[in-house]
Protein backbone atom coordinates (compact mmCIF):
# COMPACT_ATOMS: atom_id res chain seq x y z
CA MET A 1 -3.72 45.16 37.66
CA LYS A 2 -2.39 42.12 39.29
CA SER A 3 -0.95 42.34 42.71
CA ALA A 4 2.16 40.43 43.71
CA SER A 5 1.73 37.81 46.35
CA ILE A 6 3.65 38.00 49.55
CA GLY A 7 5.50 34.86 48.76
CA SER A 8 7.03 36.49 45.67
CA VAL A 9 8.77 39.26 47.62
CA PRO A 10 12.41 38.23 48.17
CA ASN A 11 13.69 38.03 51.72
CA LEU A 12 16.32 40.71 52.21
CA ARG A 13 18.42 38.44 54.43
CA GLU A 14 18.37 35.67 51.78
CA SER A 15 19.45 38.04 48.96
CA VAL A 16 23.02 38.82 48.07
CA ALA A 17 24.22 42.39 48.07
CA THR A 18 25.67 43.23 44.66
CA LEU A 19 27.93 46.01 43.44
CA ASN A 20 26.31 48.96 41.79
CA PRO A 21 26.81 48.58 37.97
CA ARG A 22 27.87 52.19 37.66
CA TRP A 23 30.74 51.60 40.12
CA LEU A 24 31.70 48.19 38.76
CA PRO A 25 34.47 49.43 36.38
CA TRP A 26 36.05 51.44 39.18
CA MET A 27 35.79 48.56 41.60
CA ARG A 28 37.61 46.33 39.13
CA ALA A 29 40.30 48.96 38.62
CA LEU A 30 40.85 49.20 42.33
CA TRP A 31 41.07 45.37 42.61
CA MET A 32 43.80 45.39 39.97
CA VAL A 33 45.68 48.16 41.80
CA ILE A 34 45.55 46.29 45.13
CA ALA A 35 46.58 43.01 43.45
CA LEU A 36 49.61 44.65 41.76
CA ASN A 37 50.47 46.47 45.05
CA SER A 38 50.38 43.19 46.95
CA ILE A 39 52.69 41.49 44.43
CA LEU A 40 55.15 44.40 44.62
CA THR A 41 55.07 44.37 48.36
CA PHE A 42 55.84 40.69 48.46
CA VAL A 43 58.73 41.05 45.92
CA LEU A 44 60.17 43.91 48.07
CA MET A 45 59.79 41.80 51.21
CA ILE A 46 61.79 38.98 49.59
CA PHE A 47 64.42 41.51 48.62
CA LEU A 48 64.61 42.82 52.26
CA THR A 49 64.85 39.24 53.57
CA ARG A 50 67.64 38.47 51.22
CA ARG A 51 69.53 41.64 52.23
CA PHE A 52 68.89 40.88 55.88
CA SER A 53 70.10 37.31 55.53
CA GLU A 54 73.40 38.46 54.02
CA ASN A 55 74.14 40.69 57.00
CA LEU A 56 72.65 38.89 59.96
CA PRO A 57 72.93 40.45 63.46
CA ALA A 58 75.30 38.80 65.98
CA ARG A 59 72.53 37.04 67.87
CA LEU A 60 71.08 35.35 64.76
CA ALA A 61 74.39 34.52 63.27
CA ASP A 62 75.61 32.91 66.51
CA GLY A 63 72.28 30.99 66.99
CA LEU A 64 72.29 29.72 63.37
CA SER A 65 75.91 28.56 63.54
CA ARG A 66 75.13 26.54 66.66
CA LEU A 67 72.24 24.93 64.83
CA GLY A 68 74.39 24.17 61.83
CA TRP A 69 72.55 26.61 59.55
CA THR A 70 74.11 29.03 57.09
CA ASN A 71 72.83 32.43 56.00
CA GLU A 72 71.66 30.82 52.76
CA ASN A 73 69.57 28.26 54.70
CA TYR A 74 68.02 31.04 56.76
CA PHE A 75 66.98 32.90 53.60
CA TRP A 76 65.51 29.97 51.71
CA PHE A 77 63.71 28.70 54.76
CA HIS A 78 61.85 31.97 55.08
CA ALA A 79 61.41 32.53 51.33
CA ALA A 80 59.78 29.17 50.84
CA PHE A 81 57.19 29.57 53.56
CA MET A 82 56.61 33.25 52.82
CA GLY A 83 55.88 32.23 49.25
CA LEU A 84 53.47 29.53 50.37
CA SER A 85 51.53 31.96 52.53
CA PHE A 86 51.43 34.63 49.85
CA VAL A 87 50.32 32.22 47.11
CA CYS A 88 47.56 30.74 49.28
CA TYR A 89 46.12 34.21 50.20
CA PHE A 90 46.47 35.57 46.69
CA ALA A 91 45.12 32.54 44.90
CA VAL A 92 42.01 32.18 47.11
CA GLY A 93 41.35 35.93 46.84
CA MET A 94 41.58 35.80 43.00
CA LEU A 95 39.35 32.68 42.82
CA ILE A 96 36.70 34.35 44.94
CA TYR A 97 36.75 37.37 42.68
CA LEU A 98 36.58 35.35 39.47
CA TRP A 99 33.66 33.22 40.71
CA ARG A 100 31.71 36.03 42.33
CA PRO A 101 32.76 39.24 40.40
CA ASN A 102 29.52 41.18 40.99
CA GLU A 103 28.85 40.36 44.68
CA ARG A 104 29.74 42.95 47.21
CA MET A 105 31.00 40.61 49.94
CA ALA A 106 33.00 38.52 47.52
CA TRP A 107 34.76 41.60 46.14
CA PHE A 108 35.48 42.80 49.69
CA ALA A 109 36.81 39.39 50.78
CA SER A 110 38.95 39.14 47.68
CA ILE A 111 40.52 42.55 48.34
CA LEU A 112 41.09 41.72 51.94
CA LEU A 113 42.83 38.37 51.27
CA ILE A 114 45.02 39.71 48.48
CA ALA A 115 46.18 42.56 50.67
CA PHE A 116 46.87 40.24 53.58
CA GLY A 117 49.04 38.07 51.28
CA GLY A 118 51.58 40.77 50.99
CA GLU A 119 51.11 42.01 54.58
CA ILE A 120 51.87 39.01 56.79
CA ALA A 121 54.71 37.30 54.94
CA TYR A 122 57.89 38.30 56.66
CA PRO A 123 60.49 36.81 58.98
CA LEU A 124 59.68 37.06 62.69
CA SER A 125 62.58 38.60 64.50
CA VAL A 126 63.09 41.85 66.29
CA GLU A 127 66.16 42.64 64.23
CA PHE A 128 64.27 42.22 60.88
CA ALA A 129 61.51 44.66 61.97
CA ALA A 130 64.16 47.16 62.99
CA SER A 131 65.78 46.87 59.49
CA TRP A 132 62.64 48.32 57.90
CA ALA A 133 63.89 51.83 58.83
CA THR A 134 66.49 51.50 56.01
CA ALA A 135 64.06 49.98 53.49
CA PRO A 136 63.32 51.85 50.28
CA THR A 137 60.52 54.46 50.31
CA LEU A 138 58.66 52.45 47.71
CA PHE A 139 58.41 49.58 50.19
CA HIS A 140 56.97 51.84 52.88
CA VAL A 141 54.28 53.16 50.53
CA THR A 142 53.21 49.75 49.25
CA TYR A 143 53.26 48.24 52.74
CA LEU A 144 51.10 51.10 54.06
CA VAL A 145 48.56 50.49 51.27
CA ASN A 146 48.46 46.76 52.09
CA ASN A 147 48.12 47.48 55.79
CA LEU A 148 45.09 49.70 55.19
CA PHE A 149 43.33 47.20 52.94
CA SER A 150 44.10 44.24 55.17
CA TRP A 151 44.18 45.11 58.94
CA GLY A 152 42.34 48.35 58.23
CA PHE A 153 39.37 46.67 56.65
CA LEU A 154 39.39 43.48 58.82
CA GLY A 155 36.93 45.02 61.30
CA ALA A 156 34.61 46.06 58.45
CA PHE A 157 34.80 42.56 56.94
CA LEU A 158 33.84 40.97 60.23
CA ALA A 159 30.97 43.39 60.60
CA LEU A 160 29.67 42.79 57.05
CA PHE A 161 30.16 39.07 56.76
CA PRO A 162 28.38 37.07 55.31
CA ASP A 163 25.84 39.18 53.40
CA GLY A 164 27.57 42.53 52.96
CA ARG A 165 25.35 44.54 55.34
CA PHE A 166 26.27 46.21 58.64
CA VAL A 167 24.37 44.15 61.19
CA PRO A 168 23.83 45.45 63.88
CA GLY A 169 24.01 49.06 62.87
CA TRP A 170 26.60 50.11 65.42
CA SER A 171 29.15 47.72 63.90
CA ARG A 172 29.90 50.37 61.19
CA TRP A 173 31.47 52.56 63.91
CA VAL A 174 33.64 49.65 65.08
CA ALA A 175 34.80 49.19 61.50
CA LEU A 176 35.56 52.94 61.16
CA PHE A 177 37.60 52.86 64.38
CA GLY A 178 39.48 49.82 63.19
CA PHE A 179 40.44 51.59 59.94
CA CYS A 180 41.70 54.67 61.78
CA PHE A 181 43.61 52.50 64.25
CA SER A 182 45.24 50.55 61.43
CA PHE A 183 46.16 53.77 59.62
CA GLY A 184 48.01 54.98 62.76
CA PHE A 185 49.79 51.64 63.05
CA GLY A 186 50.90 51.84 59.42
CA LEU A 187 52.29 55.37 59.86
CA PHE A 188 54.00 54.73 63.14
CA PRO A 189 54.81 50.93 63.30
CA ALA A 190 57.74 51.32 65.73
CA GLN A 191 55.71 53.32 68.25
CA PHE A 192 52.62 51.12 68.02
CA GLY A 193 54.66 47.86 67.91
CA ALA A 194 56.59 48.83 71.10
CA ALA A 195 54.01 50.93 72.81
CA GLU A 196 54.65 52.24 76.31
CA GLY A 197 52.79 54.31 78.83
CA PRO A 198 49.52 55.93 77.67
CA LEU A 199 50.04 54.63 74.12
CA LEU A 200 50.18 51.06 75.48
CA VAL A 201 46.80 51.51 77.10
CA PHE A 202 45.37 53.01 73.92
CA VAL A 203 46.69 50.15 71.77
CA SER A 204 45.39 47.52 74.28
CA VAL A 205 41.94 49.18 74.48
CA GLY A 206 41.86 49.80 70.79
CA GLY A 207 42.53 46.12 69.96
CA LEU A 208 39.90 45.03 72.40
CA ILE A 209 37.28 47.35 70.90
CA ILE A 210 38.00 46.16 67.32
CA PHE A 211 38.19 42.42 67.86
CA GLY A 212 35.81 42.18 70.85
CA GLY A 213 33.24 44.38 69.11
CA SER A 214 33.55 42.53 65.84
CA LEU A 215 33.16 39.17 67.64
CA TYR A 216 30.11 40.34 69.55
CA ALA A 217 28.53 41.70 66.34
CA GLN A 218 29.01 38.26 64.67
CA VAL A 219 27.39 36.57 67.69
CA TRP A 220 24.50 39.02 67.66
CA ARG A 221 24.01 38.55 63.92
CA TYR A 222 24.16 34.75 64.23
CA ARG A 223 21.51 34.68 67.00
CA HIS A 224 19.11 37.41 65.87
CA TYR A 225 19.52 38.00 62.11
CA SER A 226 21.25 35.29 60.10
CA THR A 227 19.29 32.73 58.11
CA PRO A 228 20.21 29.05 58.40
CA LEU A 229 22.45 29.24 55.33
CA GLN A 230 24.22 32.36 56.60
CA LYS A 231 24.81 30.65 59.87
CA GLN A 232 26.65 27.90 58.08
CA GLN A 233 28.87 30.51 56.39
CA THR A 234 29.52 32.21 59.81
CA LYS A 235 30.54 28.88 61.30
CA TRP A 236 33.33 28.54 58.71
CA LEU A 237 34.78 31.91 59.69
CA ILE A 238 34.46 31.35 63.46
CA TYR A 239 35.97 27.94 63.08
CA ALA A 240 39.07 29.25 61.33
CA LEU A 241 39.52 32.08 63.85
CA ALA A 242 39.21 29.61 66.72
CA MET A 243 41.73 27.23 65.15
CA ILE A 244 44.24 30.10 64.61
CA VAL A 245 43.97 31.24 68.26
CA LEU A 246 44.15 27.71 69.69
CA LEU A 247 47.09 26.61 67.60
CA LEU A 248 49.08 29.78 68.26
CA LEU A 249 48.42 29.42 71.98
CA MET A 250 49.48 25.77 71.91
CA THR A 251 52.62 26.67 70.01
CA SER A 252 53.55 29.39 72.51
CA MET A 253 52.91 27.07 75.52
CA LEU A 254 54.85 24.20 74.06
CA THR A 255 57.72 26.39 73.00
CA TYR A 256 57.89 27.91 76.51
CA LEU A 257 57.76 24.48 78.18
CA LEU A 258 60.13 22.58 75.92
CA LEU A 259 62.80 25.22 75.26
CA PRO A 260 65.01 26.70 77.98
CA VAL A 261 65.32 30.44 78.60
CA ALA A 262 66.56 32.09 75.37
CA GLU A 263 69.00 34.44 77.01
CA PHE A 264 71.36 31.63 78.01
CA ASN A 265 71.61 30.11 74.55
CA PRO A 266 71.40 32.07 71.29
CA ALA A 267 70.47 28.79 69.50
CA VAL A 268 67.32 28.52 71.59
CA GLY A 269 66.28 32.08 70.75
CA VAL A 270 66.75 31.45 67.02
CA THR A 271 64.82 28.10 67.31
CA ALA A 272 61.96 29.99 68.98
CA ASP A 273 61.90 32.58 66.19
CA LEU A 274 61.75 29.79 63.53
CA ILE A 275 58.98 27.96 65.35
CA TYR A 276 56.90 31.12 65.73
CA PHE A 277 57.42 31.77 62.03
CA LEU A 278 56.14 28.31 61.12
CA ALA A 279 53.22 28.76 63.54
CA ASN A 280 52.10 31.71 61.49
CA LEU A 281 51.15 29.20 58.79
CA THR A 282 48.04 28.58 60.93
CA PHE A 283 46.80 31.85 59.47
CA LEU A 284 46.20 29.91 56.21
CA PHE A 285 42.99 28.67 57.85
CA LEU A 286 41.61 32.20 57.24
CA PRO A 287 41.71 32.35 53.41
CA LEU A 288 40.68 28.77 53.05
CA SER A 289 37.63 29.15 55.38
CA ILE A 290 36.58 32.43 53.80
CA GLY A 291 36.88 30.94 50.34
CA ILE A 292 34.76 27.96 51.31
CA ALA A 293 32.24 30.11 53.13
CA ILE A 294 31.61 32.37 50.18
CA VAL A 295 31.89 29.96 47.24
CA ARG A 296 31.54 26.32 48.41
CA TYR A 297 29.88 26.36 51.90
CA ARG A 298 27.26 23.88 50.74
CA LEU A 299 29.92 21.35 49.61
CA TRP A 300 31.07 20.33 53.13
CA ASP A 301 29.07 20.12 56.35
CA ILE A 302 30.90 22.38 58.78
CA ASP A 303 29.06 20.77 61.77
CA VAL A 304 30.74 17.51 61.01
CA ILE A 305 34.21 19.20 60.83
CA ILE A 306 33.65 21.06 64.07
CA ARG A 307 32.37 17.91 65.78
CA LYS A 308 35.37 15.84 64.66
CA THR A 309 37.81 18.65 65.65
CA LEU A 310 36.34 18.89 69.14
CA THR A 311 36.35 15.12 69.53
CA TYR A 312 39.96 14.50 68.52
CA ALA A 313 41.28 17.60 70.22
CA LEU A 314 39.79 16.54 73.57
CA VAL A 315 40.90 12.97 73.08
CA ALA A 316 44.39 14.06 72.27
CA ALA A 317 44.54 16.34 75.32
CA LEU A 318 43.19 13.66 77.68
CA LEU A 319 45.51 10.98 76.32
CA ALA A 320 48.46 13.32 76.69
CA ILE A 321 47.56 14.02 80.31
CA VAL A 322 47.11 10.29 81.01
CA TYR A 323 50.32 9.35 79.24
CA PHE A 324 52.64 11.88 80.92
CA GLY A 325 50.87 11.38 84.27
CA SER A 326 51.22 7.61 84.10
CA VAL A 327 54.91 7.80 83.04
CA ILE A 328 55.74 10.17 85.90
CA LEU A 329 53.86 8.28 88.60
CA LEU A 330 55.07 4.82 87.46
CA GLN A 331 58.62 5.98 87.13
CA GLN A 332 58.54 7.37 90.64
CA LEU A 333 57.00 4.14 91.96
CA PHE A 334 59.56 2.04 90.11
CA ALA A 335 62.41 4.27 91.35
CA THR A 336 61.18 3.90 94.91
CA ILE A 337 61.18 0.18 94.65
CA SER A 338 64.32 -0.48 92.61
CA ASN A 339 66.25 2.81 92.85
CA GLN A 340 66.43 3.08 89.05
CA ARG A 341 64.38 4.09 86.05
CA SER A 342 62.96 1.58 83.50
CA GLU A 343 62.01 1.82 79.84
CA LEU A 344 59.32 -0.74 80.57
CA VAL A 345 57.21 1.99 82.15
CA THR A 346 57.20 3.99 78.90
CA VAL A 347 56.21 0.90 76.91
CA LEU A 348 53.39 0.05 79.27
CA SER A 349 52.13 3.57 79.21
CA THR A 350 52.17 3.59 75.40
CA LEU A 351 50.22 0.29 75.23
CA ALA A 352 47.68 1.63 77.74
CA ILE A 353 47.18 4.78 75.59
CA ALA A 354 46.66 2.63 72.51
CA ALA A 355 44.03 0.57 74.32
CA LEU A 356 42.22 3.63 75.65
CA PHE A 357 42.02 5.51 72.35
CA VAL A 358 38.90 3.94 70.85
CA PRO A 359 36.69 3.72 73.97
CA LEU A 360 37.77 7.20 75.04
CA ARG A 361 37.02 8.61 71.62
CA ASN A 362 33.53 7.04 71.64
CA ARG A 363 32.81 8.44 75.13
CA VAL A 364 33.99 11.92 74.22
CA GLN A 365 32.05 11.91 70.93
CA ALA A 366 28.86 10.85 72.67
CA MET A 367 29.39 13.61 75.30
CA ILE A 368 29.88 16.22 72.53
CA ASP A 369 26.85 15.01 70.64
CA LYS A 370 24.65 15.17 73.75
CA ARG A 371 25.89 18.67 74.62
CA PHE A 372 26.17 20.44 71.22
CA TYR A 373 24.25 18.25 68.75
CA ARG A 374 21.40 17.11 70.88
CA LYS A 375 18.83 16.90 68.11
CA LYS A 376 21.10 14.93 65.73
CA TYR A 377 22.19 12.68 68.61
CA ASP A 378 18.54 11.99 69.62
CA ALA A 379 17.64 11.23 66.03
CA ARG A 380 20.46 8.79 65.64
CA GLN A 381 19.46 7.04 68.87
CA VAL A 382 15.86 6.83 67.77
CA LEU A 383 16.82 5.37 64.38
CA GLN A 384 19.01 2.78 66.01
CA LYS A 385 16.25 1.77 68.32
CA PHE A 386 13.79 1.49 65.38
CA SER A 387 16.21 -0.71 63.43
CA GLU A 388 16.25 -3.09 66.40
CA THR A 389 12.45 -3.11 66.55
CA VAL A 390 12.21 -3.85 62.87
CA ARG A 391 14.47 -6.83 63.24
CA ASP A 392 12.36 -8.36 66.08
CA GLU A 393 8.76 -7.10 65.49
CA THR A 394 6.34 -9.17 63.42
CA ASP A 395 3.05 -7.36 64.22
CA LEU A 396 2.30 -5.00 61.27
CA GLU A 397 0.17 -2.61 63.34
CA LYS A 398 2.83 -2.13 65.98
CA LEU A 399 5.47 -1.74 63.32
CA THR A 400 3.55 1.02 61.52
CA ASN A 401 2.86 2.90 64.74
CA GLU A 402 6.56 2.67 65.54
CA LEU A 403 7.45 3.98 62.08
CA LEU A 404 5.15 6.97 62.45
CA ASP A 405 6.64 7.76 65.89
CA VAL A 406 10.15 7.61 64.45
CA VAL A 407 9.33 9.95 61.57
CA ASN A 408 7.59 12.47 63.90
CA GLU A 409 10.48 12.47 66.31
CA THR A 410 13.43 12.64 63.86
CA MET A 411 12.00 14.67 60.92
CA GLN A 412 9.27 16.65 62.78
CA PRO A 413 7.06 17.23 59.70
CA LYS A 414 3.84 19.20 59.92
CA SER A 415 1.88 16.04 59.16
CA VAL A 416 2.63 12.47 58.40
CA GLY A 417 0.50 9.76 56.82
CA LEU A 418 1.12 6.12 56.11
CA TRP A 419 -0.76 4.16 53.41
CA LEU A 420 -0.66 0.47 52.70
CA ASN A 421 -1.92 -0.87 49.37
CA GLN A 422 -2.67 -4.59 49.71
CA THR A 423 -3.31 -6.47 46.50
CA ARG A 424 -3.86 -10.13 45.74
CA ALA A 425 -1.59 -12.63 47.38
CA SER A 426 0.12 -13.34 44.07
CA GLU A 427 1.08 -9.74 43.65
CA ARG A 428 3.78 -7.73 45.42
CA GLU A 429 2.63 -5.80 48.49
CA GLU A 430 3.22 -2.05 48.02
CA LYS A 431 3.78 0.32 50.89
CA GLY A 432 4.29 4.13 50.86
CA LEU A 433 4.92 6.99 53.26
CA THR A 434 3.84 10.53 52.63
CA LEU A 435 5.21 13.59 54.48
CA ARG A 436 4.17 17.24 54.44
């Protein structure tokens, strides 16, 4: 009897968890139910938005009239972007399921995204949330189902991603707590949404346990369990979550700084509602990143995307600080000298920012490469140095030694050998490099 070699045994971490064939028909039926429920929830949400737009509360009606908007504008503004969000979530979830119908994690991600599509698409205003009390019973049932399969399973998804296994083992309890927490939120949305007293403490601690525990589980998995390919998939998810958090924080800060206090002007309050509604489009990073991570994570290098994002975000922040700082200081200086303000200060600051962009970007990119991509940065520096050596060096022995050093430093193979096949002078000289 032949014994299998060790090398033929598949690595559990490299394998993909698949659905049990006996459960596959039931899983497909459940997928169809959730998909239809999400569509029905979205249709009912559009209906509620239409009804709400026709009978706007005094605050919204007054604010919209000052902005020059009508009730019809308010409805179509929300309907358009709600539709965009729903279609993106639903389409990505469906494509994941069609491309990976038998994989456990792909099925789970598809269910999660389709449910989220009908869950998060609604106008952001206190009055609209209060109007749910008069919504049809069918809406409450479909919304509760969507809530359970979206927010309820989000903790489990973060614990299982990317290979469909609970790693570390305790993450399953975080996922169970998240499901129970979401179930309570779905049954009592008013109490959980405006929690007070002990319930506020419970909601705060519960959210910290779910999201903090899930994030720590992903970090632990990344450092101690994931294979290199799984780490690339994890980077896509973490990148999307980081972008969502940063963009929402930036939107909140800019809205607070640029808009006056809402109580003194209804138009400002309505403007803030509309801005926060548009800011929710940042959540589209989630389905796109999950879809790429599961289906096409080999197509794009996430490290390059992260590197470019960090570079241009830091450059933009630094240039904004320099621009506004220079405008304020120069305007004060000019006002002290001439007792008036000048547009020349703004023009000079703009020209200075344009001149600083390229050198500042190069410095920031070099700093990020040294700090986070040290190996790639060193390899690039070594190759650049070698290209300069090739251009100036004529000694063959020195050149071959330099080549071997470059290969060892950049590629780090187990062994490297260089062979030169010299023929007659009339024939072409052949050279080759072998790596192992």
